[in-house]
C-alpha atoms as a PDB file:
ATOM      1  CA  MET A   1      -1.559  -2.824  22.666  1.00  0.00           C
ATOM      2  CA  GLN A   2       1.143  -4.463  20.619  1.00  0.00           C
ATOM      3  CA  LEU A   3      -1.513  -6.505  18.795  1.00  0.00           C
ATOM      4  CA  ALA A   4      -3.380  -3.335  17.829  1.00  0.00           C
ATOM      5  CA  ILE A   5      -0.204  -1.710  16.493  1.00  0.00           C
ATOM      6  CA  THR A   6       0.645  -4.858  14.549  1.00  0.00           C
ATOM      7  CA  ALA A   7      -2.853  -5.025  13.057  1.00  0.00           C
ATOM      8  CA  LEU A   8      -2.701  -1.341  12.124  1.00  0.00           C
ATOM      9  CA  ALA A   9       0.680  -1.849  10.443  1.00  0.00           C
ATOM     10  CA  VAL A  10      -0.640  -4.823   8.466  1.00  0.00           C
ATOM     11  CA  ILE A  11      -3.744  -2.930   7.312  1.00  0.00           C
ATOM     12  CA  ALA A  12      -1.678   0.136   6.382  1.00  0.00           C
ATOM     13  CA  GLY A  13       0.709  -2.072   4.414  1.00  0.00           C
ATOM     14  CA  MET A  14      -2.150  -3.685   2.514  1.00  0.00           C
ATOM     15  CA  VAL A  15      -3.711  -0.300   1.675  1.00  0.00           C
ATOM     16  CA  PHE A  16      -0.339   1.035   0.534  1.00  0.00           C
ATOM     17  CA  SER A  17       0.235  -2.055  -1.599  1.00  0.00           C
ATOM     18  CA  LEU A  18      -3.187  -1.685  -3.222  1.00  0.00           C
ATOM     19  CA  ALA A  19      -2.538   1.993  -3.949  1.00  0.00           C
ATOM     20  CA  ILE A  20       0.807   1.228  -5.589  1.00  0.00           C
ATOM     21  CA  ALA A  21      -0.743  -1.599  -7.627  1.00  0.00           C
ATOM     22  CA  LEU A  22      -3.515   0.712  -8.887  1.00  0.00           C
ATOM     23  CA  LEU A  23      -0.983   3.410  -9.748  1.00  0.00           C
ATOM     24  CA  VAL A  24       1.211   1.000 -11.705  1.00  0.00           C
ATOM     25  CA  GLU A  25      -1.798  -0.453 -13.512  1.00  0.00           C
ATOM     26  CA  GLU A  26      -2.992   3.045 -14.408  1.00  0.00           C
ATOM     27  CA  LEU A  27       0.435   3.965 -15.754  1.00  0.00           C
ATOM     28  CA  ILE A  28       0.594   0.792 -17.861  1.00  0.00           C
ATOM     29  CA  PHE A  29      -2.968   0.446 -19.125  1.00  0.00           C
ATOM     30  CA  GLY A  30      -4.691   3.719 -18.235  1.00  0.00           C
ATOM     31  CA  LYS A  31      -8.250   2.404 -18.018  1.00  0.00           C
ATOM     32  CA  VAL A  32      -9.017   1.807 -14.352  1.00  0.00           C
ATOM     33  CA  PHE A  33      -9.946   5.349 -13.340  1.00  0.00           C
ATOM     34  CA  ARG A  34     -12.017   5.844 -16.489  1.00  0.00           C
ATOM     35  CA  LEU A  35     -14.188   2.911 -15.420  1.00  0.00           C
ATOM     36  CA  PHE A  36     -14.727   4.300 -11.925  1.00  0.00           C
ATOM     37  CA  PHE A  37     -15.170   7.961 -12.824  1.00  0.00           C
ATOM     38  CA  ALA A  38     -16.915   7.763 -16.198  1.00  0.00           C
ATOM     39  CA  PRO A  39     -19.916  10.104 -16.425  1.00  0.00           C
ATOM     40  CA  GLN A  40     -23.163   8.190 -16.261  1.00  0.00           C
ATOM     41  CA  ALA A  41     -25.633   8.749 -19.070  1.00  0.00           C
ATOM     42  CA  ALA A  42     -28.948   9.993 -17.712  1.00  0.00           C
ATOM     43  CA  THR A  43     -31.914   7.906 -18.763  1.00  0.00           C
ATOM     44  CA  VAL A  44     -35.104   9.841 -19.448  1.00  0.00           C
ATOM     45  CA  LYS A  45     -38.431   8.052 -19.662  1.00  0.00           C
ATOM     46  CA  SER A  46     -40.789   9.183 -22.390  1.00  0.00           C
ATOM     47  CA  GLY A  47     -43.685   9.514 -19.921  1.00  0.00           C
ATOM     48  CA  GLN A  48     -42.043  12.334 -17.956  1.00  0.00           C
ATOM     49  CA  LYS A  49     -42.805  15.179 -20.390  1.00  0.00           C
ATOM     50  CA  ARG A  50     -44.288  18.342 -18.903  1.00  0.00           C
END
């Protein structure tokens, strides 16, 4: 049981560290979330006309 708690604490620490790193990077550069959440341009083929 102690091993499971230790593993959970390590994973939670890594996730927290990643979240803080992303937040700091976003505050400094401000481009990470625009890459992930940019609207995708819809591609329309010319053969799909009705």
